[in-house]
C-alpha atoms as a PDB file:
ATOM      1  CA  MET A   1     -12.086 -10.535  -0.649  1.00  0.00           C
ATOM      2  CA  ASN A   2     -11.742  -7.225  -2.489  1.00  0.00           C
ATOM      3  CA  ARG A   3     -10.441  -4.096  -0.760  1.00  0.00           C
ATOM      4  CA  VAL A   4     -12.096  -1.023  -2.205  1.00  0.00           C
ATOM      5  CA  PHE A   5     -11.615   2.681  -1.571  1.00  0.00           C
ATOM      6  CA  ILE A   6     -14.763   4.710  -2.233  1.00  0.00           C
ATOM      7  CA  ALA A   7     -14.920   8.506  -2.508  1.00  0.00           C
ATOM      8  CA  LEU A   8     -18.017  10.235  -1.109  1.00  0.00           C
ATOM      9  CA  GLY A   9     -19.256  13.714  -1.888  1.00  0.00           C
ATOM     10  CA  SER A  10     -22.387  15.754  -1.200  1.00  0.00           C
ATOM     11  CA  ASN A  11     -23.562  19.344  -1.255  1.00  0.00           C
ATOM     12  CA  ILE A  12     -27.285  18.869  -0.592  1.00  0.00           C
ATOM     13  CA  ASN A  13     -28.094  18.154   3.062  1.00  0.00           C
ATOM     14  CA  SER A  14     -24.483  16.987   3.168  1.00  0.00           C
ATOM     15  CA  GLU A  15     -23.940  15.860   6.744  1.00  0.00           C
ATOM     16  CA  ARG A  16     -27.092  13.762   6.846  1.00  0.00           C
ATOM     17  CA  ASN A  17     -26.553  12.237   3.406  1.00  0.00           C
ATOM     18  CA  MET A  18     -22.890  11.435   4.044  1.00  0.00           C
ATOM     19  CA  ARG A  19     -23.709   9.758   7.382  1.00  0.00           C
ATOM     20  CA  GLU A  20     -26.579   7.838   5.814  1.00  0.00           C
ATOM     21  CA  ALA A  21     -24.401   6.696   2.894  1.00  0.00           C
ATOM     22  CA  VAL A  22     -21.735   5.374   5.284  1.00  0.00           C
ATOM     23  CA  SER A  23     -24.400   3.625   7.365  1.00  0.00           C
ATOM     24  CA  ARG A  24     -25.899   1.990   4.280  1.00  0.00           C
ATOM     25  CA  LEU A  25     -22.473   0.970   2.994  1.00  0.00           C
ATOM     26  CA  SER A  26     -21.684  -0.631   6.345  1.00  0.00           C
ATOM     27  CA  SER A  27     -24.877  -2.695   6.170  1.00  0.00           C
ATOM     28  CA  ARG A  28     -23.975  -4.042   2.717  1.00  0.00           C
ATOM     29  CA  CYS A  29     -20.180  -4.387   2.931  1.00  0.00           C
ATOM     30  CA  ARG A  30     -17.506  -4.742   5.599  1.00  0.00           C
ATOM     31  CA  LEU A  31     -16.571  -1.181   6.501  1.00  0.00           C
ATOM     32  CA  LEU A  32     -12.916  -1.023   7.525  1.00  0.00           C
ATOM     33  CA  ALA A  33     -12.231   2.712   7.848  1.00  0.00           C
ATOM     34  CA  VAL A  34     -13.762   6.158   7.341  1.00  0.00           C
ATOM     35  CA  SER A  35     -11.694   9.257   6.620  1.00  0.00           C
ATOM     36  CA  PRO A  36     -12.187  12.681   8.136  1.00  0.00           C
ATOM     37  CA  VAL A  37     -14.646  14.958   6.323  1.00  0.00           C
ATOM     38  CA  TYR A  38     -13.366  17.848   4.217  1.00  0.00           C
ATOM     39  CA  GLU A  39     -15.204  20.863   2.852  1.00  0.00           C
ATOM     40  CA  THR A  40     -14.297  22.097  -0.613  1.00  0.00           C
ATOM     41  CA  ALA A  41     -15.546  24.616  -3.107  1.00  0.00           C
ATOM     42  CA  PRO A  42     -17.411  23.097  -6.053  1.00  0.00           C
ATOM     43  CA  VAL A  43     -15.482  22.216  -9.214  1.00  0.00           C
ATOM     44  CA  GLY A  44     -16.770  23.457 -12.556  1.00  0.00           C
ATOM     45  CA  LYS A  45     -20.213  24.843 -11.669  1.00  0.00           C
ATOM     46  CA  THR A  46     -19.268  27.256  -8.880  1.00  0.00           C
ATOM     47  CA  ASP A  47     -22.681  28.837  -8.184  1.00  0.00           C
ATOM     48  CA  GLN A  48     -23.742  26.143  -5.736  1.00  0.00           C
ATOM     49  CA  PRO A  49     -23.035  25.203  -2.103  1.00  0.00           C
ATOM     50  CA  ASN A  50     -19.668  23.831  -1.043  1.00  0.00           C
ATOM     51  CA  PHE A  51     -19.180  20.070  -0.960  1.00  0.00           C
ATOM     52  CA  LEU A  52     -18.371  17.753   1.876  1.00  0.00           C
ATOM     53  CA  ASN A  53     -15.984  14.979   0.820  1.00  0.00           C
ATOM     54  CA  ALA A  54     -14.636  11.870   2.514  1.00  0.00           C
ATOM     55  CA  ALA A  55     -13.506   8.345   1.683  1.00  0.00           C
ATOM     56  CA  VAL A  56     -14.150   4.880   3.053  1.00  0.00           C
ATOM     57  CA  LEU A  57     -12.308   1.596   2.829  1.00  0.00           C
ATOM     58  CA  ILE A  58     -14.469  -1.499   2.506  1.00  0.00           C
ATOM     59  CA  GLU A  59     -14.080  -5.206   1.898  1.00  0.00           C
ATOM     60  CA  THR A  60     -16.515  -7.053  -0.344  1.00  0.00           C
ATOM     61  CA  ASP A  61     -16.857 -10.243  -2.344  1.00  0.00           C
ATOM     62  CA  LEU A  62     -18.570  -8.261  -5.108  1.00  0.00           C
ATOM     63  CA  THR A  63     -16.854  -7.419  -8.384  1.00  0.00           C
ATOM     64  CA  ALA A  64     -16.370  -3.734  -9.187  1.00  0.00           C
ATOM     65  CA  ALA A  65     -19.330  -3.801 -11.593  1.00  0.00           C
ATOM     66  CA  GLU A  66     -21.559  -5.519  -9.021  1.00  0.00           C
ATOM     67  CA  LEU A  67     -20.480  -3.077  -6.301  1.00  0.00           C
ATOM     68  CA  LYS A  68     -21.265  -0.120  -8.535  1.00  0.00           C
ATOM     69  CA  SER A  69     -24.657  -1.360  -9.773  1.00  0.00           C
ATOM     70  CA  ASP A  70     -25.927  -3.304  -6.755  1.00  0.00           C
ATOM     71  CA  VAL A  71     -24.636  -1.133  -3.905  1.00  0.00           C
ATOM     72  CA  LEU A  72     -23.315   2.324  -4.837  1.00  0.00           C
ATOM     73  CA  GLN A  73     -25.947   3.270  -7.411  1.00  0.00           C
ATOM     74  CA  VAL A  74     -28.700   1.823  -5.220  1.00  0.00           C
ATOM     75  CA  ILE A  75     -27.573   3.923  -2.234  1.00  0.00           C
ATOM     76  CA  GLU A  76     -27.354   7.010  -4.455  1.00  0.00           C
ATOM     77  CA  GLN A  77     -30.921   6.388  -5.656  1.00  0.00           C
ATOM     78  CA  GLU A  78     -32.178   5.733  -2.121  1.00  0.00           C
ATOM     79  CA  LEU A  79     -30.711   9.077  -1.032  1.00  0.00           C
ATOM     80  CA  GLY A  80     -32.343  10.955  -3.906  1.00  0.00           C
ATOM     81  CA  ARG A  81     -29.408  11.362  -6.297  1.00  0.00           C
ATOM     82  CA  VAL A  82     -30.565  12.854  -9.578  1.00  0.00           C
ATOM     83  CA  ARG A  83     -28.103  12.566 -12.437  1.00  0.00           C
ATOM     84  CA  THR A  84     -28.055  15.321 -15.037  1.00  0.00           C
ATOM     85  CA  GLU A  85     -25.900  15.994 -18.079  1.00  0.00           C
ATOM     86  CA  ASP A  86     -23.829  18.340 -15.899  1.00  0.00           C
ATOM     87  CA  LYS A  87     -21.495  16.058 -13.944  1.00  0.00           C
ATOM     88  CA  ASN A  88     -20.692  19.013 -11.648  1.00  0.00           C
ATOM     89  CA  ALA A  89     -24.317  19.675 -10.666  1.00  0.00           C
ATOM     90  CA  PRO A  90     -25.374  19.702  -6.995  1.00  0.00           C
ATOM     91  CA  ARG A  91     -26.023  16.239  -5.554  1.00  0.00           C
ATOM     92  CA  THR A  92     -27.353  14.552  -2.463  1.00  0.00           C
ATOM     93  CA  ILE A  93     -24.604  11.935  -2.609  1.00  0.00           C
ATOM     94  CA  ASP A  94     -21.909  10.786  -4.990  1.00  0.00           C
ATOM     95  CA  LEU A  95     -20.245   7.399  -4.411  1.00  0.00           C
ATOM     96  CA  ASP A  96     -17.342   6.483  -6.691  1.00  0.00           C
ATOM     97  CA  ILE A  97     -14.885   3.609  -6.676  1.00  0.00           C
ATOM     98  CA  SER A  98     -11.443   5.216  -6.392  1.00  0.00           C
ATOM     99  CA  LEU A  99      -9.292   2.089  -6.030  1.00  0.00           C
ATOM    100  CA  PHE A 100     -10.245  -1.570  -6.407  1.00  0.00           C
ATOM    101  CA  ASN A 101      -7.481  -3.742  -4.928  1.00  0.00           C
ATOM    102  CA  ASP A 102      -4.378  -2.869  -6.958  1.00  0.00           C
ATOM    103  CA  GLU A 103      -6.184  -3.368 -10.248  1.00  0.00           C
ATOM    104  CA  VAL A 104      -6.180  -1.163 -13.342  1.00  0.00           C
ATOM    105  CA  PHE A 105      -9.198  -1.455 -15.655  1.00  0.00           C
ATOM    106  CA  ASP A 106     -12.012   0.347 -17.421  1.00  0.00           C
ATOM    107  CA  MET A 107     -15.579  -0.161 -16.301  1.00  0.00           C
ATOM    108  CA  GLY A 108     -17.923   1.459 -18.784  1.00  0.00           C
ATOM    109  CA  GLN A 109     -16.805   5.077 -19.035  1.00  0.00           C
ATOM    110  CA  ARG A 110     -14.972   4.980 -15.691  1.00  0.00           C
ATOM    111  CA  HIS A 111     -11.310   4.190 -15.306  1.00  0.00           C
ATOM    112  CA  ILE A 112     -10.078   2.483 -12.142  1.00  0.00           C
ATOM    113  CA  PRO A 113      -8.030   3.793 -10.412  1.00  0.00           C
ATOM    114  CA  ASP A 114     -10.045   6.973 -10.648  1.00  0.00           C
ATOM    115  CA  PRO A 115      -7.917   9.539 -12.556  1.00  0.00           C
ATOM    116  CA  GLU A 116      -9.285  12.261 -10.240  1.00  0.00           C
ATOM    117  CA  ILE A 117      -7.087  10.895  -7.424  1.00  0.00           C
ATOM    118  CA  LEU A 118      -4.152  12.504  -9.219  1.00  0.00           C
ATOM    119  CA  LYS A 119      -5.985  15.788  -9.935  1.00  0.00           C
ATOM    120  CA  TYR A 120      -8.016  16.798  -6.899  1.00  0.00           C
ATOM    121  CA  PRO A 121      -7.023  17.083  -3.240  1.00  0.00           C
ATOM    122  CA  HIS A 122     -10.643  16.495  -2.132  1.00  0.00           C
ATOM    123  CA  ILE A 123     -10.213  12.945  -3.506  1.00  0.00           C
ATOM    124  CA  ALA A 124      -6.531  12.299  -2.736  1.00  0.00           C
ATOM    125  CA  VAL A 125      -6.351  13.669   0.830  1.00  0.00           C
ATOM    126  CA  PRO A 126      -9.162  11.540   2.343  1.00  0.00           C
ATOM    127  CA  LEU A 127      -7.700   8.457   0.632  1.00  0.00           C
ATOM    128  CA  ALA A 128      -4.264   9.272   2.039  1.00  0.00           C
ATOM    129  CA  ASP A 129      -5.819   9.658   5.489  1.00  0.00           C
ATOM    130  CA  LEU A 130      -7.079   6.076   5.231  1.00  0.00           C
ATOM    131  CA  ALA A 131      -3.968   4.443   3.789  1.00  0.00           C
ATOM    132  CA  PRO A 132      -0.981   6.770   3.423  1.00  0.00           C
ATOM    133  CA  HIS A 133       1.362   3.964   2.340  1.00  0.00           C
ATOM    134  CA  GLN A 134      -1.030   2.410  -0.205  1.00  0.00           C
ATOM    135  CA  ARG A 135       0.551   2.649  -3.654  1.00  0.00           C
ATOM    136  CA  HIS A 136      -1.287   4.028  -6.636  1.00  0.00           C
ATOM    137  CA  PRO A 137      -1.309   1.125  -9.111  1.00  0.00           C
ATOM    138  CA  GLU A 138      -0.381   3.279 -12.113  1.00  0.00           C
ATOM    139  CA  THR A 139       2.117   5.787 -10.719  1.00  0.00           C
ATOM    140  CA  ASP A 140       3.532   3.683  -7.854  1.00  0.00           C
ATOM    141  CA  GLN A 141       3.382   6.785  -5.624  1.00  0.00           C
ATOM    142  CA  THR A 142       1.981   6.338  -2.149  1.00  0.00           C
ATOM    143  CA  LEU A 143      -1.367   8.008  -1.569  1.00  0.00           C
ATOM    144  CA  LYS A 144       0.401  10.314   0.874  1.00  0.00           C
ATOM    145  CA  GLU A 145       2.855  11.363  -1.876  1.00  0.00           C
ATOM    146  CA  VAL A 146      -0.033  11.953  -4.291  1.00  0.00           C
ATOM    147  CA  ALA A 147      -1.893  14.085  -1.731  1.00  0.00           C
ATOM    148  CA  GLN A 148       1.214  16.066  -0.806  1.00  0.00           C
ATOM    149  CA  GLY A 149       1.834  16.818  -4.477  1.00  0.00           C
ATOM    150  CA  LEU A 150      -1.522  18.558  -4.914  1.00  0.00           C
ATOM    151  CA  PRO A 151      -2.404  22.100  -3.798  1.00  0.00           C
ATOM    152  CA  ALA A 152      -4.448  21.739  -0.612  1.00  0.00           C
ATOM    153  CA  GLY A 153      -5.688  25.343  -0.575  1.00  0.00           C
ATOM    154  CA  GLY A 154      -9.412  25.512   0.001  1.00  0.00           C
ATOM    155  CA  LEU A 155      -9.582  22.077   1.628  1.00  0.00           C
ATOM    156  CA  VAL A 156     -10.974  22.447   5.162  1.00  0.00           C
ATOM    157  CA  CYS A 157     -11.009  19.473   7.536  1.00  0.00           C
ATOM    158  CA  HIS A 158     -14.175  19.188   9.620  1.00  0.00           C
ATOM    159  CA  GLY A 159     -13.133  17.132  12.636  1.00  0.00           C
ATOM    160  CA  ASP A 160     -16.496  17.945  14.193  1.00  0.00           C
ATOM    161  CA  ILE A 161     -18.368  15.914  11.552  1.00  0.00           C
ATOM    162  CA  VAL A 162     -18.269  12.202  12.340  1.00  0.00           C
ATOM    163  CA  LEU A 163     -19.682   9.887   9.694  1.00  0.00           C
ATOM    164  CA  ARG A 164     -19.584   6.719  11.751  1.00  0.00           C
ATOM    165  CA  ARG A 165     -20.254   6.339  15.420  1.00  0.00           C
ATOM    166  CA  LYS A 166     -17.407   4.999  17.499  1.00  0.00           C
ATOM    167  CA  ARG A 167     -17.574   1.266  17.923  1.00  0.00           C
ATOM    168  CA  SER A 168     -17.799  -0.443  21.253  1.00  0.00           C
ATOM    169  CA  GLY A 169     -15.788  -3.580  21.868  1.00  0.00           C
ATOM    170  CA  ASN A 170     -18.787  -5.737  20.986  1.00  0.00           C
ATOM    171  CA  ASP A 171     -19.683  -4.094  17.677  1.00  0.00           C
ATOM    172  CA  PRO A 172     -18.740  -5.823  14.446  1.00  0.00           C
ATOM    173  CA  ILE A 173     -16.799  -3.719  11.999  1.00  0.00           C
END
């Protein structure tokens, strides 16, 4: 069973799309944990709405390539994601594999672990919320150490936004 950390982001109908993405992920994979939601200013193209960002931890039997093509890209398409040449353009939902077990590899043009973990607090902080003692497979830092080493200015936690309803004792994860 593969343990995968996925980063989520949205700045078009964000709350609804983030909740729907988590719901759809939970119906296709075993959802273990969901981070708090953070609001951040856009990176690159700044003349657009702020983003909501979060992370989830899942378990799946799928390979990274299968997860990306058969689950993440499908959910993005279902939620109306339109890809443009501008990777910083507004989006309904963005789902990216941040960590896949403790593995280091390239998948197409993406590197796993996602290099953005080490650059952006809106990626690192939600991951650290989920697993502060998880070690980054390339730097050997804990996710908490990575997050603490980045400037957190402009990162606003939205405790009022819940992406997954609380489970009752009878609900499966």
